[in-house]
Amino acid sequence: MKKQNTEKGFSLVEVIVALAILAILVAALTPLFTFSFTNIFSGGRKSSAQYRAHEAMENKFAGIGVDEGAETTTLTIKFGETTSIDIEKKDVSVTIDYTDSQGNERNVTYNSFLPK
C-alpha cells in the first residue's frame, strides 16, 4: 500500500506566484521612493538657503552691511479716519541663490525695512 503525503506547505507554483506579485509591487513603488527622496533633498537645500537669507537679513538689521546709499522712503500707517503716523524707512532685500536636487537654479528672497 502506498503511503499518502500528509505534509502541508506551499507548492513551488504558489511560491513563484507570490514572488511575482511581490516583484510587481516593488517595481510599482520604487519611483515613489525616488521622487520622495528627491523632494526631501530639494527641501533641505531650500531650507539651508532660507537660513542663510535669514542670517544675512539679521546682519543687515544689526548694521553689518547696510547700504548707506539706500533710498529712504516714507511708510504711512493710518489708524481709523483721522490718525496716521509716518515712518522714515530704508528697504532691505536679501536674495540667496541655490541649486535644487534636479540641478535647477532657484533663489530665496527676503524683503523688509529698517526704520530710520
Protein backbone atom coordinates (compact mmCIF):
# COMPACT_ATOMS: atom_id res chain seq x y z
CA MET A 1 0.00 0.00 0.00
CA LYS A 2 1.25 3.46 -0.92
CA LYS A 3 1.78 5.95 1.90
CA GLN A 4 -0.15 9.20 1.40
CA ASN A 5 1.76 12.50 1.81
CA THR A 6 0.10 14.40 4.67
CA GLU A 7 2.61 17.20 4.96
CA LYS A 8 1.15 20.63 4.33
CA GLY A 9 3.05 23.51 2.76
CA PHE A 10 3.32 25.75 -0.26
CA SER A 11 3.84 24.30 -3.68
CA LEU A 12 6.52 25.65 -5.99
CA VAL A 13 3.85 27.31 -8.17
CA GLU A 14 2.39 29.18 -5.18
CA VAL A 15 5.82 30.45 -4.16
CA ILE A 16 6.59 31.65 -7.70
CA VAL A 17 3.21 33.45 -7.94
CA ALA A 18 3.80 35.14 -4.56
CA LEU A 19 7.28 36.28 -5.63
CA ALA A 20 5.89 37.63 -8.92
CA ILE A 21 3.25 39.66 -7.06
CA LEU A 22 5.91 40.98 -4.68
CA ALA A 23 8.17 41.95 -7.60
CA ILE A 24 5.32 43.85 -9.28
CA LEU A 25 4.60 45.78 -6.07
CA VAL A 26 8.26 46.67 -5.56
CA ALA A 27 8.58 47.81 -9.18
CA ALA A 28 5.45 49.97 -8.81
CA LEU A 29 6.60 51.63 -5.57
CA THR A 30 10.25 52.28 -6.46
CA PRO A 31 9.55 55.52 -8.42
CA LEU A 32 7.55 56.82 -5.46
CA PHE A 33 10.54 56.44 -3.15
CA THR A 34 12.88 58.01 -5.71
CA PHE A 35 10.56 61.01 -6.11
CA SER A 36 10.23 61.34 -2.32
CA PHE A 37 13.98 61.34 -1.72
CA THR A 38 14.48 63.91 -4.49
CA ASN A 39 11.96 66.22 -2.83
CA ILE A 40 13.50 65.69 0.60
CA PHE A 41 16.92 66.76 -0.69
CA SER A 42 15.41 69.76 -2.54
CA GLY A 43 13.64 70.80 0.65
CA GLY A 44 16.88 70.55 2.59
CA ARG A 45 18.71 72.77 0.12
CA LYS A 46 15.88 75.33 0.20
CA SER A 47 15.88 75.28 3.99
CA SER A 48 19.63 75.93 4.02
CA ALA A 49 19.20 78.86 1.61
CA GLN A 50 16.42 80.28 3.81
CA TYR A 51 18.68 80.04 6.85
CA ARG A 52 21.46 81.91 5.04
CA ALA A 53 18.98 84.59 3.87
CA HIS A 54 17.64 84.96 7.41
CA GLU A 55 21.18 85.29 8.75
CA ALA A 56 22.07 87.92 6.12
CA MET A 57 18.90 89.87 6.96
CA GLU A 58 19.75 89.83 10.67
CA ASN A 59 23.26 91.10 9.85
CA LYS A 60 21.70 93.99 7.94
CA PHE A 61 19.43 94.74 10.90
CA ALA A 62 22.50 94.74 13.17
CA GLY A 63 24.16 97.31 10.92
CA ILE A 64 26.59 94.94 9.24
CA GLY A 65 26.48 95.50 5.50
CA VAL A 66 23.70 98.10 5.42
CA ASP A 67 23.83 100.03 2.19
CA GLU A 68 24.22 103.66 3.27
CA GLY A 69 23.22 104.80 -0.19
CA ALA A 70 19.86 103.03 0.00
CA GLU A 71 16.92 105.28 -0.73
CA THR A 72 14.89 106.43 2.26
CA THR A 73 11.13 106.26 1.79
CA THR A 74 8.13 107.01 3.97
CA LEU A 75 5.66 104.45 5.28
CA THR A 76 2.31 105.91 6.37
CA ILE A 77 0.19 103.93 8.81
CA LYS A 78 -3.41 105.07 9.31
CA PHE A 79 -5.45 104.43 12.44
CA GLY A 80 -9.09 104.98 11.66
CA GLU A 81 -10.13 108.06 9.72
CA THR A 82 -8.15 110.78 11.47
CA THR A 83 -4.92 109.44 13.00
CA SER A 84 -1.86 108.44 11.00
CA ILE A 85 1.88 108.19 11.53
CA ASP A 86 4.74 108.47 9.04
CA ILE A 87 7.83 106.31 9.41
CA GLU A 88 11.06 107.03 7.54
CA LYS A 89 12.48 103.71 6.38
CA LYS A 90 15.09 102.02 4.22
CA ASP A 91 14.03 98.98 2.23
CA VAL A 92 16.19 95.92 2.77
CA SER A 93 16.28 92.93 0.44
CA VAL A 94 18.35 89.75 0.63
CA THR A 95 18.48 87.17 -2.17
CA ILE A 96 20.25 83.82 -1.84
CA ASP A 97 20.75 81.62 -4.92
CA TYR A 98 20.87 77.83 -4.66
CA THR A 99 20.62 74.75 -6.87
CA ASP A 100 17.88 72.21 -6.15
CA SER A 101 18.41 68.45 -6.36
CA GLN A 102 17.34 68.36 -10.04
CA GLY A 103 20.01 70.94 -10.96
CA ASN A 104 17.60 73.87 -11.36
CA GLU A 105 18.77 77.32 -10.26
CA ARG A 106 16.45 78.74 -7.58
CA ASN A 107 16.55 81.65 -5.16
CA VAL A 108 15.12 82.75 -1.84
CA THR A 109 14.36 86.45 -1.33
CA TYR A 110 13.55 88.19 1.97
CA ASN A 111 12.22 91.76 1.93
CA SER A 112 11.85 94.03 4.94
CA PHE A 113 12.61 97.57 6.05
CA LEU A 114 14.66 99.37 8.67
CA PRO A 115 13.09 102.36 10.39
CA LYS A 116 15.37 105.37 10.26
